[in-house]
Amino acid sequence: MADKPTRPNQSVLTLLIDTAATLAAAWFVQEAVEQAWKAARGHKPPRADNPTDGGLKEALAAAAITGALVGASRVLATRGAVRVAGQVERKRTRHLR
């Protein structure tokens, strides 16, 4: 059985901050897209699990916009988490010297 791939140079703190930041960013993007869609189109974006909720083109457009923004927010959240965790680790190791 193969071991899970690990990320070298990432502490548990980095992974926890990354996970929390990614979840928060994804939630924020979902809310922002929903509000913007509602303002522009007059209704919430169509849901993928409801075939009567808008047409296929509209559902694909909503999915593409949401997916792109969630992906971008994940990159930003991960980079920010690594930066914050690095600062915390540096402060912590400075106190150990």
Protein backbone atom coordinates (compact mmCIF):
# COMPACT_ATOMS: atom_id res chain seq x y z
CA MET A 1 0.00 0.00 0.00
CA ALA A 2 1.46 3.34 -1.02
CA ASP A 3 1.91 6.09 1.50
CA LYS A 4 0.16 9.39 1.04
CA PRO A 5 2.32 11.96 -0.68
CA THR A 6 3.63 14.45 1.84
CA ARG A 7 4.43 18.08 1.41
CA PRO A 8 7.97 18.72 2.55
CA ASN A 9 8.62 21.90 4.51
CA GLN A 10 5.03 22.22 5.69
CA SER A 11 4.31 22.09 9.37
CA VAL A 12 1.03 21.06 10.95
CA LEU A 13 0.44 24.74 11.68
CA THR A 14 0.77 25.58 7.98
CA LEU A 15 -1.67 22.83 7.02
CA LEU A 16 -4.23 23.96 9.62
CA ILE A 17 -3.99 27.61 8.58
CA ASP A 18 -4.15 26.61 4.91
CA THR A 19 -7.25 24.48 5.44
CA ALA A 20 -9.06 27.16 7.43
CA ALA A 21 -8.13 29.91 4.98
CA THR A 22 -9.13 27.82 1.96
CA LEU A 23 -12.52 26.95 3.43
CA ALA A 24 -13.19 30.56 4.40
CA ALA A 25 -12.12 31.83 0.97
CA ALA A 26 -14.31 29.29 -0.85
CA TRP A 27 -17.32 30.20 1.30
CA PHE A 28 -16.72 33.91 0.71
CA VAL A 29 -16.43 33.43 -3.06
CA GLN A 30 -19.65 31.36 -3.16
CA GLU A 31 -21.49 34.11 -1.29
CA ALA A 32 -20.02 36.88 -3.46
CA VAL A 33 -20.89 35.07 -6.71
CA GLU A 34 -24.42 34.43 -5.47
CA GLN A 35 -24.93 38.11 -4.55
CA ALA A 36 -23.42 39.38 -7.81
CA TRP A 37 -25.46 36.91 -9.87
CA LYS A 38 -28.63 37.93 -8.06
CA ALA A 39 -27.89 41.62 -8.65
CA ALA A 40 -27.13 41.09 -12.34
CA ARG A 41 -29.73 38.46 -13.25
CA GLY A 42 -32.45 39.02 -10.64
CA HIS A 43 -32.19 35.51 -9.19
CA LYS A 44 -29.68 33.19 -7.56
CA PRO A 45 -27.33 31.19 -9.79
CA PRO A 46 -28.77 27.85 -10.94
CA ARG A 47 -27.90 24.80 -8.89
CA ALA A 48 -26.31 21.81 -10.58
CA ASP A 49 -28.54 19.34 -8.73
CA ASN A 50 -31.77 20.95 -9.97
CA PRO A 51 -32.29 20.54 -13.76
CA THR A 52 -35.33 22.84 -13.72
CA ASP A 53 -33.29 25.67 -12.22
CA GLY A 54 -32.23 27.65 -15.29
CA GLY A 55 -30.85 26.46 -18.60
CA LEU A 56 -27.69 24.51 -19.26
CA LYS A 57 -25.78 27.56 -20.56
CA GLU A 58 -26.59 29.55 -17.46
CA ALA A 59 -25.64 26.65 -15.17
CA LEU A 60 -22.32 26.18 -17.01
CA ALA A 61 -21.58 29.91 -16.83
CA ALA A 62 -22.27 29.97 -13.09
CA ALA A 63 -20.08 26.89 -12.56
CA ALA A 64 -17.22 28.32 -14.64
CA ILE A 65 -17.27 31.67 -12.84
CA THR A 66 -17.52 30.08 -9.41
CA GLY A 67 -14.83 27.49 -10.18
CA ALA A 68 -12.37 30.06 -11.49
CA LEU A 69 -12.85 32.36 -8.51
CA VAL A 70 -12.67 29.53 -5.97
CA GLY A 71 -9.46 28.29 -7.62
CA ALA A 72 -7.91 31.74 -7.51
CA SER A 73 -8.97 32.26 -3.90
CA ARG A 74 -7.44 28.91 -2.97
CA VAL A 75 -4.08 29.92 -4.43
CA LEU A 76 -4.17 33.21 -2.55
CA ALA A 77 -5.28 31.54 0.69
CA THR A 78 -2.56 28.89 0.47
CA ARG A 79 0.18 31.43 -0.21
CA GLY A 80 -1.06 33.62 2.62
CA ALA A 81 -1.19 30.63 4.98
CA VAL A 82 2.38 29.67 4.15
CA ARG A 83 3.52 33.25 4.75
CA VAL A 84 1.68 33.54 8.10
CA ALA A 85 2.85 30.14 9.31
CA GLY A 86 6.42 31.04 8.34
CA GLN A 87 6.23 34.22 10.40
CA VAL A 88 4.85 32.29 13.38
CA GLU A 89 7.54 29.63 13.05
CA ARG A 90 10.30 32.27 12.88
CA LYS A 91 8.98 33.98 16.02
CA ARG A 92 8.71 30.66 17.80
CA THR A 93 12.22 29.52 16.91
CA ARG A 94 13.62 32.92 17.84
CA HIS A 95 12.33 32.38 21.39
CA LEU A 96 13.93 28.93 21.54
CA ARG A 97 17.45 30.25 20.90
